N, C-alpha and C. Protein backbone atom coordinates (compact mmCIF):
# COMPACT_ATOMS: atom_id res chain seq x y z
N MET A 1 218.71 149.48 267.69
CA MET A 1 218.51 149.48 269.13
C MET A 1 219.58 148.60 269.78
N CYS A 2 220.23 149.11 270.78
CA CYS A 2 221.30 148.42 271.46
C CYS A 2 220.75 147.63 272.65
N HIS A 3 221.00 146.34 272.67
CA HIS A 3 220.58 145.51 273.79
C HIS A 3 221.75 145.33 274.74
N LEU A 4 221.53 145.53 276.01
CA LEU A 4 222.57 145.33 277.00
C LEU A 4 222.70 143.85 277.30
N THR A 5 223.92 143.42 277.44
CA THR A 5 224.19 142.04 277.80
C THR A 5 225.03 142.02 279.06
N ALA A 6 225.08 140.85 279.67
CA ALA A 6 225.89 140.67 280.87
C ALA A 6 226.38 139.24 280.91
N TYR A 7 227.53 139.06 281.52
CA TYR A 7 227.99 137.71 281.80
C TYR A 7 227.23 137.20 283.02
N VAL A 8 226.82 135.95 282.94
CA VAL A 8 226.14 135.29 284.05
C VAL A 8 226.99 134.09 284.44
N CYS A 9 227.29 134.00 285.72
CA CYS A 9 228.04 132.86 286.24
C CYS A 9 227.07 132.03 287.08
N VAL A 10 226.85 130.78 286.66
CA VAL A 10 225.91 129.90 287.36
C VAL A 10 226.70 128.84 288.12
N HIS A 11 226.49 128.80 289.41
CA HIS A 11 227.07 127.77 290.28
C HIS A 11 226.03 126.67 290.44
N TYR A 12 226.49 125.43 290.62
CA TYR A 12 225.56 124.34 290.83
C TYR A 12 226.27 123.17 291.50
N ASP A 13 225.48 122.26 292.04
CA ASP A 13 225.98 121.02 292.63
C ASP A 13 226.90 121.23 293.83
N ASP A 14 226.53 122.14 294.71
CA ASP A 14 227.30 122.30 295.95
C ASP A 14 226.45 123.00 296.99
N GLN A 15 226.84 124.19 297.45
CA GLN A 15 226.13 124.77 298.59
C GLN A 15 226.09 126.29 298.56
N ILE A 16 225.13 126.81 299.33
CA ILE A 16 224.99 128.24 299.57
C ILE A 16 225.18 128.42 301.07
N CYS A 17 226.08 129.32 301.44
CA CYS A 17 226.40 129.51 302.87
C CYS A 17 226.43 130.98 303.24
N ASN A 18 226.33 131.23 304.54
CA ASN A 18 226.57 132.56 305.09
C ASN A 18 228.04 132.67 305.45
N THR A 19 228.65 133.78 305.04
CA THR A 19 230.04 134.05 305.39
C THR A 19 230.11 135.49 305.89
N ASN A 20 231.32 135.98 306.09
CA ASN A 20 231.46 137.38 306.51
C ASN A 20 231.03 138.34 305.40
N GLU A 21 230.82 137.84 304.18
CA GLU A 21 230.31 138.66 303.07
C GLU A 21 228.80 138.49 302.91
N GLY A 22 228.16 137.78 303.81
CA GLY A 22 226.74 137.45 303.64
C GLY A 22 226.62 136.15 302.88
N THR A 23 225.69 136.08 301.96
CA THR A 23 225.48 134.86 301.19
C THR A 23 226.63 134.64 300.21
N THR A 24 227.15 133.40 300.22
CA THR A 24 228.24 133.02 299.33
C THR A 24 227.89 131.70 298.67
N PHE A 25 228.16 131.59 297.39
CA PHE A 25 227.94 130.36 296.66
C PHE A 25 229.26 129.60 296.61
N PHE A 26 229.29 128.38 297.14
CA PHE A 26 230.47 127.53 297.08
C PHE A 26 230.21 126.44 296.06
N SER A 27 231.08 126.35 295.06
CA SER A 27 230.90 125.32 294.04
C SER A 27 232.14 125.20 293.20
N ASN A 28 232.50 123.98 292.88
CA ASN A 28 233.56 123.73 291.92
C ASN A 28 232.99 123.64 290.51
N ASN A 29 231.67 123.65 290.43
CA ASN A 29 230.99 123.54 289.14
C ASN A 29 230.34 124.87 288.79
N THR A 30 230.88 125.53 287.79
CA THR A 30 230.31 126.80 287.35
C THR A 30 230.33 126.85 285.82
N LYS A 31 229.41 127.60 285.29
CA LYS A 31 229.38 127.91 283.86
C LYS A 31 229.15 129.40 283.74
N THR A 32 229.90 130.04 282.86
CA THR A 32 229.74 131.46 282.61
C THR A 32 229.39 131.65 281.14
N PHE A 33 228.39 132.48 280.89
CA PHE A 33 227.95 132.74 279.52
C PHE A 33 227.28 134.10 279.46
N MET A 34 227.14 134.60 278.24
CA MET A 34 226.55 135.91 277.99
C MET A 34 225.03 135.78 277.91
N VAL A 35 224.34 136.76 278.51
CA VAL A 35 222.87 136.78 278.50
C VAL A 35 222.42 138.19 278.13
N ASN A 36 221.38 138.26 277.33
CA ASN A 36 220.78 139.52 276.96
C ASN A 36 219.90 140.00 278.11
N LYS A 37 219.94 141.28 278.41
CA LYS A 37 219.18 141.84 279.54
C LYS A 37 217.67 141.66 279.37
N VAL A 38 217.19 141.54 278.16
CA VAL A 38 215.74 141.44 277.94
C VAL A 38 215.24 139.99 277.98
N ILE A 39 216.04 139.07 278.47
CA ILE A 39 215.64 137.67 278.57
C ILE A 39 214.49 137.51 279.57
N THR A 40 213.59 136.60 279.28
CA THR A 40 212.49 136.32 280.21
C THR A 40 212.94 135.26 281.22
N PHE A 41 212.16 135.09 282.27
CA PHE A 41 212.45 134.08 283.28
C PHE A 41 212.48 132.68 282.64
N THR A 42 211.49 132.37 281.83
CA THR A 42 211.43 131.06 281.18
C THR A 42 212.62 130.86 280.25
N GLN A 43 212.99 131.88 279.48
CA GLN A 43 214.15 131.78 278.60
C GLN A 43 215.44 131.59 279.40
N LEU A 44 215.54 132.27 280.54
CA LEU A 44 216.72 132.13 281.39
C LEU A 44 216.82 130.70 281.93
N LEU A 45 215.70 130.15 282.39
CA LEU A 45 215.71 128.76 282.87
C LEU A 45 216.14 127.80 281.76
N GLU A 46 215.59 128.00 280.56
CA GLU A 46 215.93 127.13 279.43
C GLU A 46 217.40 127.26 279.06
N LEU A 47 217.93 128.49 279.07
CA LEU A 47 219.33 128.71 278.74
C LEU A 47 220.25 128.07 279.78
N VAL A 48 219.94 128.24 281.05
CA VAL A 48 220.75 127.62 282.11
C VAL A 48 220.70 126.10 281.97
N HIS A 49 219.52 125.56 281.74
CA HIS A 49 219.36 124.11 281.56
C HIS A 49 220.25 123.63 280.42
N GLN A 50 220.26 124.36 279.32
CA GLN A 50 221.07 124.01 278.15
C GLN A 50 222.56 124.15 278.45
N LYS A 51 222.98 125.28 279.01
CA LYS A 51 224.40 125.54 279.25
C LYS A 51 225.00 124.58 280.28
N LEU A 52 224.19 124.18 281.28
CA LEU A 52 224.69 123.24 282.29
C LEU A 52 224.60 121.80 281.81
N ASP A 53 223.98 121.61 280.64
CA ASP A 53 223.81 120.27 280.07
C ASP A 53 223.12 119.34 281.07
N ILE A 54 222.02 119.82 281.60
CA ILE A 54 221.27 119.07 282.61
C ILE A 54 220.53 117.92 281.94
N ASP A 55 220.55 116.79 282.59
CA ASP A 55 219.85 115.60 282.11
C ASP A 55 218.36 115.90 281.92
N PRO A 56 217.74 115.37 280.87
CA PRO A 56 216.30 115.61 280.65
C PRO A 56 215.41 115.12 281.81
N GLN A 57 215.93 114.22 282.62
CA GLN A 57 215.16 113.73 283.77
C GLN A 57 215.27 114.66 284.97
N GLN A 58 215.98 115.75 284.83
CA GLN A 58 216.16 116.71 285.91
C GLN A 58 215.60 118.06 285.49
N HIS A 59 215.34 118.90 286.49
CA HIS A 59 214.92 120.27 286.21
C HIS A 59 215.52 121.20 287.25
N ILE A 60 215.46 122.49 286.96
CA ILE A 60 215.96 123.50 287.89
C ILE A 60 214.83 123.84 288.85
N GLN A 61 215.00 123.48 290.10
CA GLN A 61 213.98 123.74 291.12
C GLN A 61 213.96 125.22 291.47
N HIS A 62 215.15 125.81 291.65
CA HIS A 62 215.26 127.23 292.00
C HIS A 62 216.52 127.82 291.36
N LEU A 63 216.42 129.09 291.02
CA LEU A 63 217.59 129.87 290.62
C LEU A 63 217.74 130.97 291.66
N HIS A 64 218.85 130.95 292.38
CA HIS A 64 219.14 131.97 293.39
C HIS A 64 220.03 133.04 292.76
N PHE A 65 219.72 134.28 293.03
CA PHE A 65 220.54 135.42 292.60
C PHE A 65 221.31 135.93 293.80
N ARG A 66 222.63 136.04 293.68
CA ARG A 66 223.46 136.61 294.75
C ARG A 66 223.42 138.12 294.58
N CYS A 67 222.71 138.76 295.48
CA CYS A 67 222.38 140.17 295.35
C CYS A 67 223.18 141.03 296.32
N PRO A 68 223.90 142.03 295.79
CA PRO A 68 224.59 142.95 296.70
C PRO A 68 223.58 143.83 297.43
N ILE A 69 223.74 143.94 298.74
CA ILE A 69 222.81 144.76 299.51
C ILE A 69 223.50 145.94 300.19
N PHE A 70 224.83 145.93 300.20
CA PHE A 70 225.57 146.97 300.92
C PHE A 70 226.99 147.01 300.37
N GLU A 71 227.51 148.20 300.16
CA GLU A 71 228.89 148.33 299.71
C GLU A 71 229.62 149.25 300.67
N SER A 72 230.79 148.80 301.12
CA SER A 72 231.64 149.60 301.98
C SER A 72 233.02 149.63 301.35
N GLY A 73 233.34 150.72 300.69
CA GLY A 73 234.62 150.79 299.99
C GLY A 73 234.62 149.83 298.82
N GLN A 74 235.53 148.88 298.82
CA GLN A 74 235.63 147.88 297.76
C GLN A 74 234.92 146.58 298.12
N ARG A 75 234.23 146.55 299.25
CA ARG A 75 233.65 145.30 299.73
C ARG A 75 232.13 145.35 299.71
N TYR A 76 231.52 144.29 299.17
CA TYR A 76 230.07 144.15 299.15
C TYR A 76 229.61 143.18 300.21
N MET A 77 228.39 143.36 300.67
CA MET A 77 227.66 142.36 301.47
C MET A 77 226.56 141.83 300.56
N TYR A 78 226.23 140.55 300.70
CA TYR A 78 225.29 139.92 299.79
C TYR A 78 224.18 139.19 300.54
N THR A 79 223.07 139.05 299.85
CA THR A 79 222.00 138.15 300.26
C THR A 79 221.62 137.37 299.01
N SER A 80 220.72 136.41 299.14
CA SER A 80 220.32 135.65 297.95
C SER A 80 218.81 135.62 297.86
N PHE A 81 218.31 135.69 296.64
CA PHE A 81 216.88 135.68 296.38
C PHE A 81 216.57 134.68 295.29
N ILE A 82 215.46 134.01 295.43
CA ILE A 82 215.02 133.08 294.40
C ILE A 82 214.32 133.86 293.30
N LEU A 83 214.76 133.65 292.07
CA LEU A 83 214.10 134.26 290.93
C LEU A 83 212.85 133.44 290.61
N ARG A 84 211.70 134.13 290.48
CA ARG A 84 210.44 133.42 290.27
C ARG A 84 209.70 133.82 289.00
N ASP A 85 210.02 135.01 288.44
CA ASP A 85 209.25 135.48 287.29
C ASP A 85 210.05 136.54 286.53
N ASP A 86 209.44 137.05 285.46
CA ASP A 86 210.11 138.05 284.62
C ASP A 86 210.47 139.31 285.40
N ALA A 87 209.60 139.72 286.32
CA ALA A 87 209.87 140.92 287.11
C ALA A 87 211.14 140.74 287.95
N ASP A 88 211.33 139.56 288.52
CA ASP A 88 212.54 139.30 289.31
C ASP A 88 213.79 139.34 288.43
N VAL A 89 213.69 138.83 287.20
CA VAL A 89 214.84 138.86 286.28
C VAL A 89 215.17 140.31 285.92
N ARG A 90 214.15 141.14 285.66
CA ARG A 90 214.40 142.56 285.36
C ARG A 90 215.04 143.25 286.56
N LYS A 91 214.56 142.97 287.77
CA LYS A 91 215.15 143.56 288.97
C LYS A 91 216.59 143.11 289.15
N MET A 92 216.86 141.83 288.86
CA MET A 92 218.22 141.30 288.97
C MET A 92 219.16 142.11 288.07
N PHE A 93 218.77 142.32 286.81
CA PHE A 93 219.62 143.07 285.90
C PHE A 93 219.71 144.54 286.30
N ASN A 94 218.66 145.14 286.80
CA ASN A 94 218.73 146.52 287.27
C ASN A 94 219.71 146.64 288.43
N ILE A 95 219.67 145.71 289.36
CA ILE A 95 220.62 145.71 290.48
C ILE A 95 222.04 145.56 289.95
N PHE A 96 222.24 144.64 289.01
CA PHE A 96 223.57 144.42 288.44
C PHE A 96 224.09 145.67 287.75
N TYR A 97 223.29 146.31 286.90
CA TYR A 97 223.74 147.49 286.17
C TYR A 97 223.91 148.71 287.07
N ASN A 98 223.27 148.72 288.23
CA ASN A 98 223.47 149.81 289.19
C ASN A 98 224.69 149.60 290.08
N ASN A 99 225.37 148.49 289.91
CA ASN A 99 226.60 148.18 290.65
C ASN A 99 227.70 147.85 289.64
N PRO A 100 228.26 148.87 288.98
CA PRO A 100 229.18 148.64 287.87
C PRO A 100 230.47 147.91 288.23
N SER A 101 230.81 147.82 289.51
CA SER A 101 232.04 147.10 289.86
C SER A 101 231.84 145.59 289.92
N LEU A 102 230.58 145.13 289.81
CA LEU A 102 230.34 143.68 289.78
C LEU A 102 230.73 143.14 288.40
N PRO A 103 231.55 142.08 288.36
CA PRO A 103 232.00 141.57 287.06
C PRO A 103 230.95 140.77 286.30
N PHE A 104 230.00 140.16 287.02
CA PHE A 104 228.98 139.34 286.38
C PHE A 104 227.82 139.13 287.34
N VAL A 105 226.71 138.65 286.79
CA VAL A 105 225.55 138.25 287.59
C VAL A 105 225.85 136.85 288.12
N GLU A 106 225.65 136.66 289.42
CA GLU A 106 225.96 135.38 290.03
C GLU A 106 224.67 134.66 290.40
N LEU A 107 224.52 133.44 289.88
CA LEU A 107 223.34 132.62 290.14
C LEU A 107 223.76 131.27 290.71
N PHE A 108 222.83 130.64 291.43
CA PHE A 108 223.04 129.27 291.91
C PHE A 108 221.81 128.47 291.51
N ALA A 109 222.02 127.39 290.78
CA ALA A 109 220.92 126.54 290.32
C ALA A 109 220.78 125.34 291.23
N ILE A 110 219.58 125.16 291.77
CA ILE A 110 219.26 123.96 292.53
C ILE A 110 218.57 123.02 291.55
N ILE A 111 219.21 121.88 291.32
CA ILE A 111 218.75 120.93 290.32
C ILE A 111 218.22 119.69 291.03
N CYS A 112 217.08 119.18 290.56
CA CYS A 112 216.55 117.95 291.14
C CYS A 112 215.88 117.12 290.06
N LEU A 113 215.59 115.87 290.39
CA LEU A 113 214.92 114.98 289.47
C LEU A 113 213.50 115.45 289.24
N ASN A 114 212.98 115.26 288.04
CA ASN A 114 211.62 115.68 287.72
C ASN A 114 210.58 115.05 288.62
N ASN A 115 210.79 113.79 289.03
CA ASN A 115 209.80 113.12 289.86
C ASN A 115 210.12 113.18 291.35
N ASN A 116 211.16 113.93 291.73
CA ASN A 116 211.56 113.96 293.13
C ASN A 116 211.97 115.37 293.56
N PRO A 117 211.07 116.38 293.46
CA PRO A 117 211.46 117.72 293.90
C PRO A 117 211.59 117.79 295.41
N PRO A 118 212.45 118.68 295.91
CA PRO A 118 212.57 118.85 297.36
C PRO A 118 211.21 119.20 297.95
N ASP A 119 210.88 118.56 299.08
CA ASP A 119 209.56 118.80 299.66
C ASP A 119 209.56 119.91 300.69
N ASN A 120 210.70 120.45 301.05
CA ASN A 120 210.78 121.50 302.04
C ASN A 120 210.93 122.84 301.34
N GLN A 121 209.82 123.49 301.05
CA GLN A 121 209.87 124.78 300.39
C GLN A 121 210.15 125.87 301.41
N HIS A 122 210.80 126.92 300.97
CA HIS A 122 211.17 128.02 301.86
C HIS A 122 210.96 129.32 301.12
N SER A 123 210.64 130.36 301.88
CA SER A 123 210.40 131.64 301.22
C SER A 123 210.88 132.82 302.05
N SER A 124 211.73 132.59 303.03
CA SER A 124 212.11 133.69 303.91
C SER A 124 212.85 134.80 303.18
N THR A 125 213.61 134.48 302.15
CA THR A 125 214.34 135.52 301.42
C THR A 125 214.12 135.38 299.93
N SER A 126 212.96 134.90 299.54
CA SER A 126 212.77 134.61 298.13
C SER A 126 212.17 135.77 297.35
N ASN A 127 211.86 136.88 297.96
CA ASN A 127 211.23 137.98 297.25
C ASN A 127 212.21 139.14 297.13
N LEU A 128 212.48 139.57 295.90
CA LEU A 128 213.44 140.65 295.70
C LEU A 128 212.98 141.97 296.31
N GLU A 129 211.69 142.12 296.58
CA GLU A 129 211.23 143.36 297.18
C GLU A 129 211.46 143.41 298.68
N ASP A 130 211.75 142.26 299.29
CA ASP A 130 212.00 142.21 300.73
C ASP A 130 213.50 142.11 300.95
N LEU A 131 214.20 143.24 300.91
CA LEU A 131 215.65 143.24 301.10
C LEU A 131 215.96 143.21 302.59
N SER A 132 215.76 142.07 303.20
CA SER A 132 216.00 141.93 304.64
C SER A 132 217.42 141.49 304.88
N ASP A 133 217.82 141.48 306.14
CA ASP A 133 219.17 141.05 306.46
C ASP A 133 219.20 139.57 306.84
N GLU A 134 218.10 138.84 306.61
CA GLU A 134 218.11 137.42 306.84
C GLU A 134 218.74 136.73 305.64
N TYR A 135 219.65 135.82 305.90
CA TYR A 135 220.31 135.10 304.82
C TYR A 135 219.84 133.66 304.86
N GLU A 136 219.72 133.09 303.69
CA GLU A 136 219.27 131.73 303.55
C GLU A 136 220.45 130.87 303.14
N THR A 137 220.57 129.71 303.75
CA THR A 137 221.66 128.81 303.41
C THR A 137 221.08 127.45 303.06
N CYS A 138 221.50 126.91 301.96
CA CYS A 138 221.04 125.59 301.53
C CYS A 138 222.25 124.70 301.31
N TRP A 139 222.17 123.47 301.77
CA TRP A 139 223.15 122.46 301.41
C TRP A 139 222.52 121.71 300.26
N VAL A 140 223.20 121.65 299.16
CA VAL A 140 222.61 121.12 297.94
C VAL A 140 223.47 119.98 297.43
N LYS A 141 222.81 118.90 297.02
CA LYS A 141 223.51 117.76 296.46
C LYS A 141 222.85 117.37 295.16
N ASN A 142 223.66 117.24 294.12
CA ASN A 142 223.16 116.74 292.85
C ASN A 142 222.99 115.24 292.97
N HIS A 143 221.95 114.70 292.39
CA HIS A 143 221.68 113.27 292.49
C HIS A 143 222.78 112.40 291.91
N ASP A 144 223.58 112.94 291.01
CA ASP A 144 224.66 112.16 290.41
C ASP A 144 225.92 112.17 291.24
N SER A 145 225.96 112.99 292.27
CA SER A 145 227.17 113.14 293.07
C SER A 145 227.31 112.00 294.06
N ASP A 146 228.55 111.54 294.29
CA ASP A 146 228.81 110.48 295.27
C ASP A 146 229.07 111.05 296.65
N ILE A 147 229.23 112.36 296.76
CA ILE A 147 229.55 112.98 298.03
C ILE A 147 228.27 113.30 298.78
N ASP A 148 228.20 112.89 300.03
CA ASP A 148 227.02 113.16 300.85
C ASP A 148 227.17 114.55 301.46
N SER A 149 226.37 115.50 301.00
CA SER A 149 226.50 116.87 301.47
C SER A 149 226.08 117.02 302.93
N SER A 150 225.33 116.06 303.48
CA SER A 150 224.92 116.18 304.88
C SER A 150 226.11 116.04 305.82
N SER A 151 227.19 115.42 305.36
CA SER A 151 228.36 115.27 306.21
C SER A 151 229.39 116.36 305.96
N ARG A 152 229.10 117.28 305.06
CA ARG A 152 230.06 118.27 304.63
C ARG A 152 230.51 119.26 305.69
N PRO A 153 229.63 119.82 306.53
CA PRO A 153 230.10 120.86 307.44
C PRO A 153 231.25 120.41 308.33
N GLU A 154 231.18 119.17 308.86
CA GLU A 154 232.24 118.72 309.75
C GLU A 154 233.50 118.36 308.97
N GLY A 155 233.36 117.79 307.79
CA GLY A 155 234.50 117.33 307.02
C GLY A 155 235.06 118.37 306.07
N SER A 156 234.46 119.52 306.01
CA SER A 156 234.92 120.52 305.04
C SER A 156 235.88 121.51 305.69
N ASN A 157 236.38 122.42 304.87
CA ASN A 157 237.28 123.44 305.38
C ASN A 157 236.54 124.72 305.70
N LEU A 158 235.24 124.64 305.90
CA LEU A 158 234.47 125.83 306.23
C LEU A 158 234.65 126.19 307.69
N SER A 159 234.70 127.47 307.99
CA SER A 159 234.83 127.91 309.37
C SER A 159 233.48 127.81 310.07
N PRO A 160 233.46 127.90 311.42
CA PRO A 160 232.20 127.78 312.15
C PRO A 160 231.13 128.78 311.73
N SER A 161 231.51 129.91 311.16
CA SER A 161 230.52 130.90 310.73
C SER A 161 229.75 130.44 309.50
N HIS A 162 230.11 129.30 308.93
CA HIS A 162 229.46 128.79 307.73
C HIS A 162 228.43 127.71 308.04
N GLU A 163 227.94 127.64 309.27
CA GLU A 163 226.97 126.61 309.60
C GLU A 163 225.69 126.83 308.81
N PRO A 164 225.08 125.74 308.35
CA PRO A 164 223.88 125.89 307.53
C PRO A 164 222.69 126.35 308.34
N ILE A 165 221.90 127.24 307.75
CA ILE A 165 220.65 127.64 308.34
C ILE A 165 219.54 126.74 307.82
N PHE A 166 219.65 126.37 306.57
CA PHE A 166 218.66 125.54 305.92
C PHE A 166 219.37 124.40 305.25
N LYS A 167 218.86 123.18 305.40
CA LYS A 167 219.53 122.02 304.84
C LYS A 167 218.49 121.15 304.15
N ARG A 168 218.84 120.64 303.00
CA ARG A 168 217.99 119.69 302.30
C ARG A 168 218.67 118.36 302.26
N ASP A 169 217.99 117.30 302.61
CA ASP A 169 218.51 115.95 302.46
C ASP A 169 217.89 115.33 301.23
N TRP A 170 218.70 114.81 300.35
CA TRP A 170 218.22 114.21 299.10
C TRP A 170 218.05 112.79 299.34
């Protein structure tokens, strides 16, 4: 029996923004690795935790999937959805395999301390069955980072169309 695999690129320790392509993951920190299509949600979380070499005192609060929602010629538009269970992981791979021009599955890991999870939960675009045109933007800061992400929009090279819709202060 042949198992399908895919490369997964995980971004972390930076931000999710709206751009002219829809949802975009901005990060200088990425890891790319091969994943079997039949992986469960729990196995995916464990694998990401291992590949990112996350401190045992931290955990992955959310895994966002950058999902293509529209293709025009060679250009895709994207939204992002939080993966919550095995069904979402299966849908993620089905979407990926139905878009053969995508080079890899793109994820964004929100990492936080085990005793200090973000208290502002959001669900506007967290369900893969609700393919709406609302995009979610998070400013994310890893606890080990010295850069204050709350000051990033003004000091960064992002254009005005990249203003955050949703912001977390750590």
